[in-house]
Amino acid sequence: MGAVTFIARMTVKEGRDQEFISLMRELGDYVEAKEPGTEVYQLYRLREPNRYAALESFRDEAAATVHAESSKLAELAPKISDCLIGSWELEYLDPID
């Protein structure tokens, strides 16, 4: 199987935007430095209030697993989740060959 790509859409609790962005940037810095199989890890502010999306793309399933099982994600995910209303909504993207 090829690349694993998805969009994670999130709604942040009122007043928690800066904390959320800081945590996501910390995770992004880690991903950039320690996860060479990650091809894209980019946070976006959506046009709806308090809505964000992360675009994540991994070279393959193994690289996606490295990310999902990283100690940094385990450390930050509960803090990120605490900033959210509900959870993240994942939307997987498959290339058209």
C-alpha atoms as a PDB file:
ATOM      1  CA  MET A   1       0.000   0.000   0.000  1.00  0.00           C
ATOM      2  CA  GLY A   2       1.171   3.549  -0.701  1.00  0.00           C
ATOM      3  CA  ALA A   3       0.932   6.804   1.176  1.00  0.00           C
ATOM      4  CA  VAL A   4      -1.477   7.334   4.052  1.00  0.00           C
ATOM      5  CA  THR A   5      -3.047  10.793   3.941  1.00  0.00           C
ATOM      6  CA  PHE A   6      -5.853  12.305   5.953  1.00  0.00           C
ATOM      7  CA  ILE A   7      -7.395  15.519   7.190  1.00  0.00           C
ATOM      8  CA  ALA A   8      -8.172  15.738  10.904  1.00  0.00           C
ATOM      9  CA  ARG A   9     -10.852  18.366  11.539  1.00  0.00           C
ATOM     10  CA  MET A  10     -11.224  19.752  15.061  1.00  0.00           C
ATOM     11  CA  THR A  11     -13.344  22.249  16.987  1.00  0.00           C
ATOM     12  CA  VAL A  12     -11.502  24.046  19.777  1.00  0.00           C
ATOM     13  CA  LYS A  13     -13.191  25.157  22.980  1.00  0.00           C
ATOM     14  CA  GLU A  14     -13.768  28.884  23.327  1.00  0.00           C
ATOM     15  CA  GLY A  15     -10.645  30.630  24.641  1.00  0.00           C
ATOM     16  CA  ARG A  16      -8.321  27.639  24.094  1.00  0.00           C
ATOM     17  CA  ASP A  17      -7.085  28.499  20.578  1.00  0.00           C
ATOM     18  CA  GLN A  18      -3.598  29.639  21.538  1.00  0.00           C
ATOM     19  CA  GLU A  19      -3.002  26.648  23.809  1.00  0.00           C
ATOM     20  CA  PHE A  20      -4.207  24.303  21.057  1.00  0.00           C
ATOM     21  CA  ILE A  21      -2.028  25.950  18.406  1.00  0.00           C
ATOM     22  CA  SER A  22       1.005  25.814  20.700  1.00  0.00           C
ATOM     23  CA  LEU A  23       0.513  22.082  21.368  1.00  0.00           C
ATOM     24  CA  MET A  24       0.005  21.343  17.681  1.00  0.00           C
ATOM     25  CA  ARG A  25       3.149  23.299  16.794  1.00  0.00           C
ATOM     26  CA  GLU A  26       5.111  21.375  19.415  1.00  0.00           C
ATOM     27  CA  LEU A  27       3.891  18.134  17.870  1.00  0.00           C
ATOM     28  CA  GLY A  28       4.685  19.420  14.380  1.00  0.00           C
ATOM     29  CA  ASP A  29       8.240  20.330  15.407  1.00  0.00           C
ATOM     30  CA  TYR A  30       8.723  16.834  16.797  1.00  0.00           C
ATOM     31  CA  VAL A  31       7.307  15.226  13.657  1.00  0.00           C
ATOM     32  CA  GLU A  32       9.610  17.290  11.455  1.00  0.00           C
ATOM     33  CA  ALA A  33      12.688  16.414  13.521  1.00  0.00           C
ATOM     34  CA  LYS A  34      12.023  12.764  14.403  1.00  0.00           C
ATOM     35  CA  GLU A  35       9.650  11.219  11.842  1.00  0.00           C
ATOM     36  CA  PRO A  36      11.308  11.127   8.406  1.00  0.00           C
ATOM     37  CA  GLY A  37       8.423   9.066   6.983  1.00  0.00           C
ATOM     38  CA  THR A  38       6.049  11.990   7.500  1.00  0.00           C
ATOM     39  CA  GLU A  39       5.746  13.879   4.224  1.00  0.00           C
ATOM     40  CA  VAL A  40       3.198  16.520   5.291  1.00  0.00           C
ATOM     41  CA  TYR A  41       2.117  17.706   8.718  1.00  0.00           C
ATOM     42  CA  GLN A  42       0.413  21.084   8.425  1.00  0.00           C
ATOM     43  CA  LEU A  43      -2.123  22.841  10.653  1.00  0.00           C
ATOM     44  CA  TYR A  44      -4.787  25.090   9.125  1.00  0.00           C
ATOM     45  CA  ARG A  45      -7.341  27.470  10.602  1.00  0.00           C
ATOM     46  CA  LEU A  46     -10.704  26.857   8.959  1.00  0.00           C
ATOM     47  CA  ARG A  47     -13.069  29.705   8.164  1.00  0.00           C
ATOM     48  CA  GLU A  48     -15.648  28.580  10.703  1.00  0.00           C
ATOM     49  CA  PRO A  49     -15.128  29.895  14.250  1.00  0.00           C
ATOM     50  CA  ASN A  50     -12.859  27.736  16.436  1.00  0.00           C
ATOM     51  CA  ARG A  51     -12.336  25.180  13.655  1.00  0.00           C
ATOM     52  CA  TYR A  52      -8.965  23.781  12.587  1.00  0.00           C
ATOM     53  CA  ALA A  53      -7.677  21.032  10.348  1.00  0.00           C
ATOM     54  CA  ALA A  54      -4.414  19.136  10.231  1.00  0.00           C
ATOM     55  CA  LEU A  55      -3.323  17.699   6.906  1.00  0.00           C
ATOM     56  CA  GLU A  56      -1.111  14.681   7.520  1.00  0.00           C
ATOM     57  CA  SER A  57       0.562  12.474   4.938  1.00  0.00           C
ATOM     58  CA  PHE A  58       2.879   9.567   5.601  1.00  0.00           C
ATOM     59  CA  ARG A  59       5.113   7.734   3.133  1.00  0.00           C
ATOM     60  CA  ASP A  60       3.414   4.428   3.941  1.00  0.00           C
ATOM     61  CA  GLU A  61       1.475   2.546   6.603  1.00  0.00           C
ATOM     62  CA  ALA A  62       4.668   1.894   8.600  1.00  0.00           C
ATOM     63  CA  ALA A  63       5.419   5.631   8.830  1.00  0.00           C
ATOM     64  CA  ALA A  64       1.820   6.308   9.904  1.00  0.00           C
ATOM     65  CA  THR A  65       2.225   3.683  12.635  1.00  0.00           C
ATOM     66  CA  VAL A  66       5.486   5.288  13.831  1.00  0.00           C
ATOM     67  CA  HIS A  67       3.588   8.556  14.237  1.00  0.00           C
ATOM     68  CA  ALA A  68       0.547   6.985  15.895  1.00  0.00           C
ATOM     69  CA  GLU A  69       2.717   5.131  18.398  1.00  0.00           C
ATOM     70  CA  SER A  70       5.200   7.927  19.153  1.00  0.00           C
ATOM     71  CA  SER A  71       5.866   8.898  22.746  1.00  0.00           C
ATOM     72  CA  LYS A  72       5.403  12.565  21.826  1.00  0.00           C
ATOM     73  CA  LEU A  73       1.902  11.941  20.471  1.00  0.00           C
ATOM     74  CA  ALA A  74       1.109   9.916  23.603  1.00  0.00           C
ATOM     75  CA  GLU A  75       2.283  12.869  25.708  1.00  0.00           C
ATOM     76  CA  LEU A  76       0.464  15.605  23.771  1.00  0.00           C
ATOM     77  CA  ALA A  77      -2.743  13.915  22.560  1.00  0.00           C
ATOM     78  CA  PRO A  78      -4.526  14.151  25.953  1.00  0.00           C
ATOM     79  CA  LYS A  79      -3.624  17.847  26.227  1.00  0.00           C
ATOM     80  CA  ILE A  80      -4.772  18.490  22.649  1.00  0.00           C
ATOM     81  CA  SER A  81      -7.979  16.534  23.259  1.00  0.00           C
ATOM     82  CA  ASP A  82      -8.675  18.628  26.352  1.00  0.00           C
ATOM     83  CA  CYS A  83      -8.734  21.721  24.117  1.00  0.00           C
ATOM     84  CA  LEU A  84     -11.370  20.199  21.825  1.00  0.00           C
ATOM     85  CA  ILE A  85     -15.120  19.980  21.754  1.00  0.00           C
ATOM     86  CA  GLY A  86     -15.611  16.306  21.017  1.00  0.00           C
ATOM     87  CA  SER A  87     -12.801  14.605  19.145  1.00  0.00           C
ATOM     88  CA  TRP A  88     -11.062  15.006  15.816  1.00  0.00           C
ATOM     89  CA  GLU A  89     -12.883  13.891  12.683  1.00  0.00           C
ATOM     90  CA  LEU A  90     -10.627  11.960  10.304  1.00  0.00           C
ATOM     91  CA  GLU A  91     -11.185  12.055   6.562  1.00  0.00           C
ATOM     92  CA  TYR A  92      -8.831   9.782   4.595  1.00  0.00           C
ATOM     93  CA  LEU A  93      -7.676  10.790   1.131  1.00  0.00           C
ATOM     94  CA  ASP A  94      -6.739   8.133  -1.434  1.00  0.00           C
ATOM     95  CA  PRO A  95      -4.928   9.183  -4.618  1.00  0.00           C
ATOM     96  CA  ILE A  96      -6.499   8.487  -7.957  1.00  0.00           C
ATOM     97  CA  ASP A  97      -3.928   6.645 -10.041  1.00  0.00           C
END
